[in-house]
Amino acid sequence: WIKKEERTESITIGRDILEKELKKFNLNLNKHFSSEQLLGVVHKFSLNSVDDLLANIGYGKVSAKQVLNRLVPHLGIKEDKTEGLVQKIVHKIKRKKGDTGIKVKGMSDMLIRFAQCCHPLAGESVIGYITRGRGVTIHSKKCRHIQDVDPDRLVEVEWEPSEDMTYLAKLKVTNIAKKGMLSTLSAIFTQSEANILDANVQTTIDKKGISTFTIEISDYAQLR
């Protein structure tokens, strides 16, 4: 029942987002587009129904601009730059050393990787840990995994983020399971301009909602 309710909320959110984007061009979803036209767009996203499409918009997996460009391609709407998760990973691998957004003090041409245990974000206080044969691993200074390491292998680092850099962050939200909570959380992410890449929602036996989100953001301040 909970999952059905969440899907219903996502469809409602998606419809509102799409309608607002259409309104900018004096268009209306029900008045100006036939079922056949909408299904044509649905299939272009490899989905099965219009509700699937609206739900994906509500979850942030598909943008309204992407939908409009397939509904009314002659408008030539500029889409926000998006990449699939696999493409993001490949892109980050290609950037490797020179475009990580991190500068190691007193060193150059170091192989830099971000710790998977704490997922440090631009603007967060971080520290580098020199690993044998793997360069420098960047940790949050609050990460428990670096509290008891050899201090001689720690190195000062600083952020040098560029405008096109993005980072993946995982958030866990615990709340009272009640109607409308998913739409509230989605609205918060939308206001923060954070792109939701994945969402997992569960309900415990004591009626608590536990939501785990993977989001794409530009820096640590975006989480505040």
N, C-alpha and C. Protein backbone atom coordinates (compact mmCIF):
# COMPACT_ATOMS: atom_id res chain seq x y z
N TRP A 1 0.83 -1.21 0.00
CA TRP A 1 0.00 0.00 0.00
C TRP A 1 0.86 1.26 0.00
N ILE A 2 1.93 1.21 0.82
CA ILE A 2 2.83 2.38 0.91
C ILE A 2 3.43 2.69 -0.45
N LYS A 3 3.93 1.66 -1.15
CA LYS A 3 4.54 1.87 -2.46
C LYS A 3 3.54 2.43 -3.46
N LYS A 4 2.29 1.95 -3.38
CA LYS A 4 1.25 2.45 -4.28
C LYS A 4 0.98 3.93 -4.00
N GLU A 5 0.97 4.27 -2.71
CA GLU A 5 0.74 5.67 -2.32
C GLU A 5 1.89 6.56 -2.80
N GLU A 6 3.11 6.07 -2.68
CA GLU A 6 4.28 6.84 -3.12
C GLU A 6 4.24 7.07 -4.62
N ARG A 7 3.84 6.03 -5.37
CA ARG A 7 3.76 6.16 -6.83
C ARG A 7 2.70 7.19 -7.21
N THR A 8 1.57 7.15 -6.51
CA THR A 8 0.50 8.11 -6.79
C THR A 8 0.98 9.53 -6.55
N GLU A 9 1.72 9.73 -5.47
CA GLU A 9 2.26 11.06 -5.16
C GLU A 9 3.27 11.50 -6.21
N SER A 10 4.10 10.57 -6.67
CA SER A 10 5.10 10.89 -7.69
C SER A 10 4.45 11.29 -9.00
N ILE A 11 3.36 10.60 -9.35
CA ILE A 11 2.63 10.93 -10.58
C ILE A 11 2.06 12.34 -10.48
N THR A 12 1.49 12.66 -9.32
CA THR A 12 0.91 14.00 -9.12
C THR A 12 1.98 15.08 -9.21
N ILE A 13 3.13 14.84 -8.56
CA ILE A 13 4.24 15.79 -8.62
C ILE A 13 4.73 15.96 -10.04
N GLY A 14 4.90 14.83 -10.75
CA GLY A 14 5.38 14.87 -12.13
C GLY A 14 4.44 15.63 -13.05
N ARG A 15 3.14 15.42 -12.86
CA ARG A 15 2.16 16.13 -13.68
C ARG A 15 2.24 17.64 -13.44
N ASP A 16 2.36 18.02 -12.18
CA ASP A 16 2.46 19.45 -11.85
C ASP A 16 3.70 20.08 -12.48
N ILE A 17 4.83 19.37 -12.39
CA ILE A 17 6.09 19.89 -12.96
C ILE A 17 5.96 20.05 -14.46
N LEU A 18 5.38 19.04 -15.12
CA LEU A 18 5.24 19.08 -16.58
C LEU A 18 4.27 20.17 -17.01
N GLU A 19 3.16 20.30 -16.27
CA GLU A 19 2.16 21.33 -16.60
C GLU A 19 2.76 22.74 -16.47
N LYS A 20 3.58 22.94 -15.44
CA LYS A 20 4.20 24.26 -15.25
C LYS A 20 5.16 24.59 -16.39
N GLU A 21 5.89 23.57 -16.86
CA GLU A 21 6.81 23.79 -17.97
C GLU A 21 6.04 24.06 -19.26
N LEU A 22 4.95 23.34 -19.47
CA LEU A 22 4.11 23.55 -20.66
C LEU A 22 3.47 24.94 -20.66
N LYS A 23 3.10 25.41 -19.47
CA LYS A 23 2.43 26.70 -19.35
C LYS A 23 3.31 27.84 -19.83
N LYS A 24 4.63 27.66 -19.74
CA LYS A 24 5.56 28.69 -20.21
C LYS A 24 5.40 28.92 -21.71
N PHE A 25 4.89 27.91 -22.41
CA PHE A 25 4.72 28.00 -23.87
C PHE A 25 3.24 28.00 -24.25
N ASN A 26 2.39 28.38 -23.28
CA ASN A 26 0.94 28.44 -23.49
C ASN A 26 0.37 27.11 -23.98
N LEU A 27 0.86 26.03 -23.42
CA LEU A 27 0.40 24.69 -23.78
C LEU A 27 -0.21 24.01 -22.57
N ASN A 28 -1.11 23.07 -22.85
CA ASN A 28 -1.77 22.31 -21.80
C ASN A 28 -1.70 20.82 -22.14
N LEU A 29 -1.37 20.02 -21.17
CA LEU A 29 -1.16 18.60 -21.41
C LEU A 29 -2.39 17.91 -21.98
N ASN A 30 -3.55 18.17 -21.40
CA ASN A 30 -4.77 17.50 -21.85
C ASN A 30 -5.36 18.11 -23.11
N LYS A 31 -5.22 19.42 -23.27
CA LYS A 31 -5.85 20.11 -24.40
C LYS A 31 -5.08 19.98 -25.70
N HIS A 32 -3.76 19.98 -25.64
CA HIS A 32 -2.97 20.10 -26.85
C HIS A 32 -2.28 18.81 -27.30
N PHE A 33 -2.41 17.74 -26.53
CA PHE A 33 -1.70 16.51 -26.91
C PHE A 33 -2.62 15.30 -26.80
N SER A 34 -2.58 14.47 -27.84
CA SER A 34 -3.41 13.27 -27.87
C SER A 34 -2.74 12.13 -27.10
N SER A 35 -3.51 11.10 -26.83
CA SER A 35 -2.96 9.92 -26.15
C SER A 35 -1.85 9.29 -26.96
N GLU A 36 -2.02 9.30 -28.29
CA GLU A 36 -1.00 8.71 -29.18
C GLU A 36 0.31 9.47 -29.10
N GLN A 37 0.21 10.80 -29.05
CA GLN A 37 1.43 11.62 -28.95
C GLN A 37 2.17 11.34 -27.64
N LEU A 38 1.41 11.27 -26.55
CA LEU A 38 2.02 11.03 -25.25
C LEU A 38 2.65 9.64 -25.16
N LEU A 39 1.97 8.65 -25.71
CA LEU A 39 2.52 7.29 -25.71
C LEU A 39 3.79 7.21 -26.55
N GLY A 40 3.83 8.01 -27.63
CA GLY A 40 5.03 8.05 -28.46
C GLY A 40 6.24 8.51 -27.65
N VAL A 41 6.02 9.52 -26.79
CA VAL A 41 7.09 10.02 -25.94
C VAL A 41 7.44 9.00 -24.86
N VAL A 42 6.41 8.37 -24.31
CA VAL A 42 6.62 7.33 -23.28
C VAL A 42 7.56 6.25 -23.79
N HIS A 43 7.33 5.79 -25.02
CA HIS A 43 8.14 4.72 -25.60
C HIS A 43 9.57 5.17 -25.89
N LYS A 44 9.74 6.47 -26.15
CA LYS A 44 11.10 6.99 -26.39
C LYS A 44 11.96 6.92 -25.12
N PHE A 45 11.30 6.91 -23.98
CA PHE A 45 12.01 6.77 -22.71
C PHE A 45 12.02 5.32 -22.22
N SER A 46 11.59 4.42 -23.09
CA SER A 46 11.54 2.98 -22.77
C SER A 46 10.65 2.70 -21.56
N LEU A 47 9.54 3.43 -21.46
CA LEU A 47 8.57 3.23 -20.38
C LEU A 47 7.29 2.62 -20.96
N ASN A 48 6.36 2.28 -20.08
CA ASN A 48 5.16 1.55 -20.53
C ASN A 48 3.88 2.37 -20.56
N SER A 49 3.83 3.44 -19.78
CA SER A 49 2.58 4.21 -19.71
C SER A 49 2.87 5.68 -19.40
N VAL A 50 1.84 6.51 -19.59
CA VAL A 50 1.97 7.93 -19.28
C VAL A 50 2.21 8.12 -17.79
N ASP A 51 1.57 7.30 -16.97
CA ASP A 51 1.79 7.39 -15.52
C ASP A 51 3.24 7.07 -15.16
N ASP A 52 3.84 6.11 -15.89
CA ASP A 52 5.26 5.80 -15.67
C ASP A 52 6.11 7.03 -15.94
N LEU A 53 5.79 7.72 -17.03
CA LEU A 53 6.54 8.92 -17.41
C LEU A 53 6.40 10.01 -16.35
N LEU A 54 5.16 10.25 -15.91
CA LEU A 54 4.92 11.28 -14.90
C LEU A 54 5.60 10.93 -13.58
N ALA A 55 5.59 9.64 -13.22
CA ALA A 55 6.25 9.21 -11.99
C ALA A 55 7.75 9.45 -12.07
N ASN A 56 8.34 9.19 -13.24
CA ASN A 56 9.78 9.41 -13.42
C ASN A 56 10.13 10.89 -13.33
N ILE A 57 9.24 11.74 -13.81
CA ILE A 57 9.45 13.19 -13.66
C ILE A 57 9.38 13.55 -12.18
N GLY A 58 8.39 12.99 -11.48
CA GLY A 58 8.23 13.26 -10.05
C GLY A 58 9.42 12.85 -9.23
N TYR A 59 10.05 11.74 -9.63
CA TYR A 59 11.23 11.25 -8.91
C TYR A 59 12.51 11.97 -9.33
N GLY A 60 12.43 12.78 -10.41
CA GLY A 60 13.61 13.50 -10.87
C GLY A 60 14.47 12.70 -11.83
N LYS A 61 13.98 11.55 -12.30
CA LYS A 61 14.77 10.72 -13.21
C LYS A 61 14.68 11.21 -14.64
N VAL A 62 13.59 11.89 -14.98
CA VAL A 62 13.39 12.50 -16.30
C VAL A 62 12.99 13.94 -16.07
N SER A 63 13.55 14.87 -16.84
CA SER A 63 13.19 16.28 -16.68
C SER A 63 12.03 16.65 -17.59
N ALA A 64 11.28 17.68 -17.18
CA ALA A 64 10.16 18.15 -17.99
C ALA A 64 10.65 18.66 -19.35
N LYS A 65 11.84 19.27 -19.36
CA LYS A 65 12.39 19.78 -20.61
C LYS A 65 12.69 18.66 -21.59
N GLN A 66 13.14 17.52 -21.08
CA GLN A 66 13.40 16.37 -21.94
C GLN A 66 12.10 15.89 -22.59
N VAL A 67 11.03 15.88 -21.81
CA VAL A 67 9.73 15.46 -22.32
C VAL A 67 9.23 16.44 -23.37
N LEU A 68 9.34 17.74 -23.09
CA LEU A 68 8.86 18.75 -24.02
C LEU A 68 9.61 18.69 -25.35
N ASN A 69 10.89 18.43 -25.30
CA ASN A 69 11.67 18.36 -26.54
C ASN A 69 11.23 17.20 -27.42
N ARG A 70 10.59 16.21 -26.83
CA ARG A 70 10.09 15.08 -27.63
C ARG A 70 8.63 15.28 -28.02
N LEU A 71 7.92 16.06 -27.23
CA LEU A 71 6.53 16.38 -27.57
C LEU A 71 6.45 17.47 -28.63
N VAL A 72 7.25 18.51 -28.45
CA VAL A 72 7.24 19.66 -29.36
C VAL A 72 8.68 20.01 -29.74
N PRO A 73 9.32 19.16 -30.55
CA PRO A 73 10.74 19.35 -30.87
C PRO A 73 11.07 20.67 -31.55
N HIS A 74 10.09 21.27 -32.25
CA HIS A 74 10.36 22.51 -32.98
C HIS A 74 10.64 23.69 -32.03
N LEU A 75 10.29 23.56 -30.75
CA LEU A 75 10.57 24.63 -29.80
C LEU A 75 12.06 24.73 -29.49
N GLY A 76 12.78 23.63 -29.66
CA GLY A 76 14.23 23.64 -29.42
C GLY A 76 14.61 24.04 -28.01
N ILE A 77 13.92 23.50 -27.03
CA ILE A 77 14.18 23.84 -25.63
C ILE A 77 15.54 23.30 -25.20
N LYS A 78 16.32 24.15 -24.55
CA LYS A 78 17.64 23.73 -24.08
C LYS A 78 17.49 22.88 -22.83
N GLU A 79 17.95 21.65 -22.93
CA GLU A 79 17.84 20.74 -21.80
C GLU A 79 18.99 20.94 -20.84
N ASP A 80 18.71 20.67 -19.56
CA ASP A 80 19.79 20.66 -18.57
C ASP A 80 20.70 19.49 -18.89
N LYS A 81 22.00 19.69 -18.75
CA LYS A 81 22.94 18.63 -19.05
C LYS A 81 22.79 17.49 -18.06
N THR A 82 22.44 16.30 -18.57
CA THR A 82 22.27 15.14 -17.71
C THR A 82 23.03 13.97 -18.27
N GLU A 83 23.43 13.08 -17.38
CA GLU A 83 24.11 11.86 -17.77
C GLU A 83 23.57 10.71 -16.94
N GLY A 84 23.56 9.53 -17.52
CA GLY A 84 23.19 8.35 -16.75
C GLY A 84 24.27 8.04 -15.74
N LEU A 85 23.93 7.21 -14.76
CA LEU A 85 24.88 6.90 -13.70
C LEU A 85 26.14 6.27 -14.24
N VAL A 86 26.01 5.35 -15.21
CA VAL A 86 27.19 4.71 -15.79
C VAL A 86 28.07 5.74 -16.48
N GLN A 87 27.45 6.65 -17.24
CA GLN A 87 28.21 7.69 -17.93
C GLN A 87 28.94 8.60 -16.94
N LYS A 88 28.29 8.88 -15.79
CA LYS A 88 28.93 9.71 -14.77
C LYS A 88 30.19 9.04 -14.24
N ILE A 89 30.07 7.73 -13.97
CA ILE A 89 31.22 6.99 -13.46
C ILE A 89 32.35 6.99 -14.47
N VAL A 90 32.02 6.72 -15.75
CA VAL A 90 33.03 6.72 -16.81
C VAL A 90 33.67 8.08 -16.93
N HIS A 91 32.84 9.14 -16.85
CA HIS A 91 33.35 10.50 -16.99
C HIS A 91 34.32 10.82 -15.86
N LYS A 92 34.00 10.38 -14.64
CA LYS A 92 34.86 10.65 -13.49
C LYS A 92 36.17 9.88 -13.60
N ILE A 93 36.10 8.66 -14.15
CA ILE A 93 37.32 7.88 -14.35
C ILE A 93 38.23 8.58 -15.36
N LYS A 94 37.65 9.13 -16.41
CA LYS A 94 38.44 9.82 -17.43
C LYS A 94 39.12 11.06 -16.87
N ARG A 95 38.43 11.72 -15.89
CA ARG A 95 39.01 12.94 -15.33
C ARG A 95 40.22 12.65 -14.45
N LYS A 96 40.18 11.53 -13.77
CA LYS A 96 41.25 11.05 -12.88
C LYS A 96 41.97 12.17 -12.14
N LYS A 97 43.22 12.45 -12.53
CA LYS A 97 44.08 13.33 -11.73
C LYS A 97 43.76 14.81 -11.89
N GLY A 98 43.66 15.27 -13.10
CA GLY A 98 43.68 16.70 -13.35
C GLY A 98 42.41 17.44 -13.03
N ASP A 99 41.28 16.73 -12.92
CA ASP A 99 40.03 17.44 -12.75
C ASP A 99 39.18 16.83 -11.65
N THR A 100 39.79 16.58 -10.51
CA THR A 100 39.07 16.00 -9.38
C THR A 100 38.49 17.07 -8.47
N GLY A 101 38.95 18.32 -8.67
CA GLY A 101 38.50 19.39 -7.79
C GLY A 101 39.28 19.44 -6.49
N ILE A 102 40.38 18.67 -6.41
CA ILE A 102 41.19 18.60 -5.18
C ILE A 102 42.65 18.94 -5.50
N LYS A 103 43.25 19.73 -4.63
CA LYS A 103 44.68 20.03 -4.74
C LYS A 103 45.39 19.51 -3.50
N VAL A 104 46.44 18.71 -3.72
CA VAL A 104 47.23 18.19 -2.60
C VAL A 104 48.37 19.16 -2.33
N LYS A 105 48.42 19.69 -1.14
CA LYS A 105 49.43 20.69 -0.79
C LYS A 105 50.83 20.09 -0.83
N GLY A 106 51.73 20.76 -1.56
CA GLY A 106 53.12 20.33 -1.64
C GLY A 106 53.38 19.19 -2.60
N MET A 107 52.36 18.77 -3.34
CA MET A 107 52.54 17.66 -4.28
C MET A 107 51.84 17.99 -5.60
N SER A 108 52.29 17.35 -6.64
CA SER A 108 51.65 17.52 -7.95
C SER A 108 51.59 16.18 -8.66
N ASP A 109 50.71 16.09 -9.66
CA ASP A 109 50.55 14.88 -10.46
C ASP A 109 50.29 13.64 -9.61
N MET A 110 49.49 13.82 -8.57
CA MET A 110 49.13 12.68 -7.72
C MET A 110 47.82 12.06 -8.20
N LEU A 111 47.73 10.74 -8.16
CA LEU A 111 46.48 10.07 -8.46
C LEU A 111 45.55 10.25 -7.26
N ILE A 112 44.39 10.80 -7.51
CA ILE A 112 43.46 11.13 -6.42
C ILE A 112 42.18 10.33 -6.58
N ARG A 113 41.71 9.76 -5.48
CA ARG A 113 40.43 9.08 -5.47
C ARG A 113 39.67 9.47 -4.21
N PHE A 114 38.34 9.38 -4.28
CA PHE A 114 37.51 9.75 -3.14
C PHE A 114 37.09 8.50 -2.38
N ALA A 115 37.19 8.56 -1.07
CA ALA A 115 36.83 7.42 -0.23
C ALA A 115 35.35 7.09 -0.36
N GLN A 116 35.06 5.81 -0.52
CA GLN A 116 33.67 5.37 -0.64
C GLN A 116 32.98 5.23 0.72
N CYS A 117 33.77 5.27 1.79
CA CYS A 117 33.18 5.11 3.13
C CYS A 117 32.46 6.37 3.60
N CYS A 118 32.93 7.54 3.15
CA CYS A 118 32.36 8.79 3.65
C CYS A 118 31.89 9.75 2.56
N HIS A 119 32.20 9.45 1.29
CA HIS A 119 31.75 10.26 0.15
C HIS A 119 31.94 11.76 0.38
N PRO A 120 33.18 12.24 0.53
CA PRO A 120 33.39 13.68 0.79
C PRO A 120 32.90 14.55 -0.36
N LEU A 121 32.37 15.72 -0.01
CA LEU A 121 31.79 16.64 -0.97
C LEU A 121 32.53 17.97 -0.96
N ALA A 122 32.49 18.66 -2.09
CA ALA A 122 33.15 19.96 -2.22
C ALA A 122 32.65 20.91 -1.14
N GLY A 123 33.59 21.53 -0.43
CA GLY A 123 33.25 22.46 0.64
C GLY A 123 33.32 21.83 2.02
N GLU A 124 33.32 20.51 2.06
CA GLU A 124 33.43 19.80 3.34
C GLU A 124 34.90 19.75 3.77
N SER A 125 35.14 19.74 5.06
CA SER A 125 36.51 19.63 5.58
C SER A 125 37.05 18.23 5.27
N VAL A 126 38.17 18.18 4.54
CA VAL A 126 38.71 16.89 4.10
C VAL A 126 40.19 16.76 4.40
N ILE A 127 40.66 15.53 4.34
CA ILE A 127 42.07 15.21 4.56
C ILE A 127 42.47 14.13 3.57
N GLY A 128 43.76 14.13 3.17
CA GLY A 128 44.24 13.12 2.25
C GLY A 128 45.00 12.02 2.98
N TYR A 129 44.84 10.79 2.51
CA TYR A 129 45.56 9.65 3.10
C TYR A 129 46.36 8.98 1.99
N ILE A 130 47.67 8.95 2.16
CA ILE A 130 48.55 8.38 1.14
C ILE A 130 48.50 6.86 1.23
N THR A 131 48.04 6.24 0.13
CA THR A 131 47.93 4.78 0.09
C THR A 131 49.03 4.21 -0.80
N ARG A 132 49.50 3.06 -0.47
CA ARG A 132 50.59 2.44 -1.23
C ARG A 132 50.11 2.03 -2.62
N GLY A 133 50.71 2.66 -3.63
CA GLY A 133 50.41 2.30 -5.01
C GLY A 133 49.09 2.84 -5.53
N ARG A 134 48.34 3.61 -4.70
CA ARG A 134 47.02 4.09 -5.14
C ARG A 134 46.87 5.60 -4.98
N GLY A 135 47.99 6.29 -4.77
CA GLY A 135 47.93 7.73 -4.68
C GLY A 135 47.36 8.22 -3.36
N VAL A 136 46.52 9.25 -3.44
CA VAL A 136 45.94 9.86 -2.25
C VAL A 136 44.43 9.64 -2.24
N THR A 137 43.94 9.11 -1.13
CA THR A 137 42.50 8.92 -0.96
C THR A 137 41.96 10.05 -0.10
N ILE A 138 40.90 10.71 -0.58
CA ILE A 138 40.33 11.86 0.11
C ILE A 138 39.20 11.40 1.03
N HIS A 139 39.32 11.75 2.31
CA HIS A 139 38.32 11.42 3.32
C HIS A 139 37.75 12.69 3.94
N SER A 140 36.55 12.60 4.44
CA SER A 140 36.02 13.65 5.31
C SER A 140 36.82 13.61 6.59
N LYS A 141 37.09 14.78 7.17
CA LYS A 141 37.85 14.81 8.43
C LYS A 141 37.06 14.15 9.57
N LYS A 142 35.75 13.98 9.37
CA LYS A 142 34.93 13.34 10.39
C LYS A 142 34.86 11.82 10.21
N CYS A 143 35.45 11.33 9.14
CA CYS A 143 35.39 9.90 8.83
C CYS A 143 36.08 9.07 9.92
N ARG A 144 35.38 8.08 10.44
CA ARG A 144 35.95 7.27 11.53
C ARG A 144 37.12 6.40 11.07
N HIS A 145 37.22 6.16 9.75
CA HIS A 145 38.26 5.28 9.25
C HIS A 145 39.66 5.92 9.27
N ILE A 146 39.74 7.21 9.47
CA ILE A 146 41.06 7.84 9.48
C ILE A 146 41.47 8.31 10.88
N GLN A 147 40.65 7.99 11.87
CA GLN A 147 40.93 8.46 13.22
C GLN A 147 42.17 7.81 13.83
N ASP A 148 42.44 6.55 13.46
CA ASP A 148 43.54 5.82 14.09
C ASP A 148 44.63 5.41 13.10
N VAL A 149 44.72 6.10 11.96
CA VAL A 149 45.74 5.74 10.97
C VAL A 149 47.08 6.40 11.31
N ASP A 150 48.11 5.99 10.63
CA ASP A 150 49.44 6.56 10.81
C ASP A 150 49.41 8.03 10.39
N PRO A 151 49.63 8.97 11.32
CA PRO A 151 49.56 10.40 10.99
C PRO A 151 50.58 10.84 9.94
N ASP A 152 51.67 10.08 9.79
CA ASP A 152 52.68 10.43 8.80
C ASP A 152 52.18 10.23 7.38
N ARG A 153 51.09 9.49 7.23
CA ARG A 153 50.55 9.22 5.90
C ARG A 153 49.37 10.14 5.56
N LEU A 154 49.10 11.09 6.46
CA LEU A 154 48.04 12.07 6.21
C LEU A 154 48.65 13.31 5.56
N VAL A 155 47.93 13.91 4.64
CA VAL A 155 48.43 15.08 3.93
C VAL A 155 47.30 16.09 3.79
N GLU A 156 47.65 17.36 3.90
CA GLU A 156 46.66 18.43 3.77
C GLU A 156 46.21 18.57 2.31
N VAL A 157 44.93 18.74 2.11
CA VAL A 157 44.38 18.93 0.77
C VAL A 157 43.38 20.08 0.81
N GLU A 158 43.08 20.64 -0.34
CA GLU A 158 42.09 21.71 -0.40
C GLU A 158 41.27 21.57 -1.68
N TRP A 159 40.08 22.13 -1.64
CA TRP A 159 39.18 22.03 -2.79
C TRP A 159 39.52 23.07 -3.84
N GLU A 160 39.45 22.64 -5.09
CA GLU A 160 39.54 23.55 -6.23
C GLU A 160 38.44 23.17 -7.22
N PRO A 161 37.18 23.32 -6.79
CA PRO A 161 36.07 22.88 -7.63
C PRO A 161 35.87 23.76 -8.84
N SER A 162 35.41 23.15 -9.93
CA SER A 162 35.04 23.90 -11.12
C SER A 162 33.53 23.88 -11.24
N GLU A 163 32.99 24.74 -12.09
CA GLU A 163 31.55 24.90 -12.18
C GLU A 163 30.83 23.63 -12.65
N ASP A 164 31.50 22.83 -13.47
CA ASP A 164 30.83 21.65 -14.02
C ASP A 164 31.05 20.38 -13.21
N MET A 165 31.70 20.50 -12.04
CA MET A 165 31.94 19.34 -11.21
C MET A 165 30.66 18.97 -10.44
N THR A 166 30.33 17.70 -10.38
CA THR A 166 29.22 17.23 -9.57
C THR A 166 29.68 16.03 -8.74
N TYR A 167 28.97 15.80 -7.65
CA TYR A 167 29.34 14.74 -6.73
C TYR A 167 28.11 13.94 -6.34
N LEU A 168 28.30 12.65 -6.06
CA LEU A 168 27.21 11.80 -5.61
C LEU A 168 27.20 11.79 -4.08
N ALA A 169 26.02 11.97 -3.52
CA ALA A 169 25.87 11.93 -2.07
C ALA A 169 24.74 10.98 -1.72
N LYS A 170 24.93 10.25 -0.61
CA LYS A 170 23.89 9.35 -0.13
C LYS A 170 23.31 9.92 1.16
N LEU A 171 21.98 10.03 1.19
CA LEU A 171 21.30 10.57 2.36
C LEU A 171 20.31 9.54 2.90
N LYS A 172 20.28 9.41 4.21
CA LYS A 172 19.32 8.52 4.85
C LYS A 172 18.38 9.37 5.70
N VAL A 173 17.08 9.28 5.43
CA VAL A 173 16.09 10.09 6.12
C VAL A 173 15.15 9.17 6.89
N THR A 174 14.99 9.42 8.19
CA THR A 174 14.06 8.66 9.02
C THR A 174 12.92 9.58 9.45
N ASN A 175 11.70 9.13 9.24
CA ASN A 175 10.55 9.97 9.54
C ASN A 175 9.35 9.11 9.92
N ILE A 176 8.30 9.74 10.39
CA ILE A 176 7.05 9.05 10.67
C ILE A 176 6.40 8.73 9.33
N ALA A 177 6.03 7.47 9.13
CA ALA A 177 5.43 7.06 7.86
C ALA A 177 4.00 7.60 7.78
N LYS A 178 3.82 8.57 6.89
CA LYS A 178 2.48 9.12 6.71
C LYS A 178 2.30 9.62 5.29
N LYS A 179 1.09 9.79 4.89
CA LYS A 179 0.76 10.21 3.54
C LYS A 179 1.35 11.57 3.24
N GLY A 180 1.95 11.70 2.06
CA GLY A 180 2.49 12.98 1.62
C GLY A 180 3.95 13.20 1.95
N MET A 181 4.58 12.29 2.72
CA MET A 181 5.97 12.48 3.13
C MET A 181 6.92 12.43 1.94
N LEU A 182 6.67 11.51 1.00
CA LEU A 182 7.54 11.40 -0.17
C LEU A 182 7.51 12.68 -1.00
N SER A 183 6.33 13.23 -1.18
CA SER A 183 6.22 14.47 -1.96
C SER A 183 6.92 15.62 -1.24
N THR A 184 6.88 15.61 0.09
CA THR A 184 7.58 16.64 0.87
C THR A 184 9.08 16.55 0.67
N LEU A 185 9.61 15.32 0.75
CA LEU A 185 11.05 15.12 0.55
C LEU A 185 11.47 15.48 -0.87
N SER A 186 10.65 15.08 -1.85
CA SER A 186 10.96 15.40 -3.25
C SER A 186 11.00 16.90 -3.48
N ALA A 187 10.06 17.61 -2.83
CA ALA A 187 10.01 19.07 -2.97
C ALA A 187 11.26 19.72 -2.40
N ILE A 188 11.76 19.18 -1.27
CA ILE A 188 12.98 19.71 -0.65
C ILE A 188 14.16 19.56 -1.60
N PHE A 189 14.29 18.37 -2.23
CA PHE A 189 15.38 18.16 -3.17
C PHE A 189 15.26 19.08 -4.38
N THR A 190 14.02 19.27 -4.84
CA THR A 190 13.79 20.14 -5.99
C THR A 190 14.20 21.57 -5.68
N GLN A 191 13.83 22.05 -4.49
CA GLN A 191 14.19 23.41 -4.07
C GLN A 191 15.70 23.58 -3.96
N SER A 192 16.39 22.51 -3.60
CA SER A 192 17.85 22.56 -3.46
C SER A 192 18.57 22.32 -4.77
N GLU A 193 17.79 22.09 -5.85
CA GLU A 193 18.33 21.80 -7.18
C GLU A 193 19.23 20.57 -7.16
N ALA A 194 18.84 19.59 -6.35
CA ALA A 194 19.57 18.32 -6.29
C ALA A 194 18.85 17.30 -7.16
N ASN A 195 19.60 16.60 -7.97
CA ASN A 195 19.03 15.61 -8.87
C ASN A 195 19.00 14.24 -8.20
N ILE A 196 17.81 13.65 -8.07
CA ILE A 196 17.67 12.33 -7.45
C ILE A 196 18.01 11.26 -8.48
N LEU A 197 19.03 10.46 -8.18
CA LEU A 197 19.43 9.37 -9.08
C LEU A 197 18.83 8.03 -8.66
N ASP A 198 18.61 7.88 -7.35
CA ASP A 198 18.06 6.62 -6.88
C ASP A 198 17.36 6.86 -5.54
N ALA A 199 16.28 6.13 -5.31
CA ALA A 199 15.54 6.26 -4.05
C ALA A 199 15.06 4.89 -3.59
N ASN A 200 15.21 4.64 -2.29
CA ASN A 200 14.75 3.39 -1.71
C ASN A 200 14.00 3.72 -0.44
N VAL A 201 12.69 3.39 -0.41
CA VAL A 201 11.85 3.75 0.73
C VAL A 201 11.32 2.48 1.40
N GLN A 202 11.48 2.41 2.72
CA GLN A 202 10.99 1.27 3.47
C GLN A 202 10.22 1.75 4.69
N THR A 203 9.32 0.89 5.19
CA THR A 203 8.56 1.20 6.39
C THR A 203 8.82 0.13 7.43
N THR A 204 9.16 0.53 8.66
CA THR A 204 9.45 -0.41 9.73
C THR A 204 8.17 -0.84 10.43
N ILE A 205 8.27 -1.85 11.28
CA ILE A 205 7.09 -2.36 11.97
C ILE A 205 6.52 -1.35 12.96
N ASP A 206 7.36 -0.40 13.39
CA ASP A 206 6.87 0.63 14.31
C ASP A 206 6.46 1.91 13.57
N LYS A 207 6.12 1.74 12.27
CA LYS A 207 5.54 2.82 11.47
C LYS A 207 6.50 3.99 11.22
N LYS A 208 7.78 3.68 11.09
CA LYS A 208 8.75 4.71 10.72
C LYS A 208 9.13 4.52 9.25
N GLY A 209 9.30 5.62 8.57
CA GLY A 209 9.74 5.56 7.18
C GLY A 209 11.25 5.78 7.11
N ILE A 210 11.93 4.89 6.40
CA ILE A 210 13.38 5.04 6.22
C ILE A 210 13.64 5.17 4.72
N SER A 211 14.08 6.33 4.31
CA SER A 211 14.32 6.62 2.89
C SER A 211 15.81 6.83 2.65
N THR A 212 16.34 6.14 1.67
CA THR A 212 17.74 6.31 1.30
C THR A 212 17.79 6.87 -0.11
N PHE A 213 18.42 8.03 -0.27
CA PHE A 213 18.50 8.71 -1.56
C PHE A 213 19.94 8.80 -2.03
N THR A 214 20.15 8.59 -3.31
CA THR A 214 21.43 8.92 -3.95
C THR A 214 21.15 10.14 -4.81
N ILE A 215 21.82 11.24 -4.50
CA ILE A 215 21.57 12.48 -5.21
C ILE A 215 22.85 13.03 -5.81
N GLU A 216 22.69 13.88 -6.80
CA GLU A 216 23.82 14.53 -7.46
C GLU A 216 23.79 16.01 -7.09
N ILE A 217 24.89 16.49 -6.51
CA ILE A 217 24.96 17.89 -6.09
C ILE A 217 26.30 18.49 -6.49
N SER A 218 26.40 19.80 -6.38
CA SER A 218 27.63 20.49 -6.79
C SER A 218 28.59 20.71 -5.63
N ASP A 219 28.06 20.85 -4.40
CA ASP A 219 28.94 21.05 -3.26
C ASP A 219 28.21 20.74 -1.95
N TYR A 220 28.97 20.78 -0.86
CA TYR A 220 28.45 20.43 0.46
C TYR A 220 27.37 21.41 0.91
N ALA A 221 27.51 22.68 0.54
CA ALA A 221 26.54 23.69 0.96
C ALA A 221 25.14 23.40 0.45
N GLN A 222 25.03 22.65 -0.63
CA GLN A 222 23.73 22.33 -1.21
C GLN A 222 22.91 21.43 -0.29
N LEU A 223 23.56 20.77 0.66
CA LEU A 223 22.86 19.89 1.59
C LEU A 223 22.30 20.65 2.79
N ARG A 224 22.69 21.88 2.98
CA ARG A 224 22.29 22.61 4.18
C ARG A 224 20.90 23.21 4.03
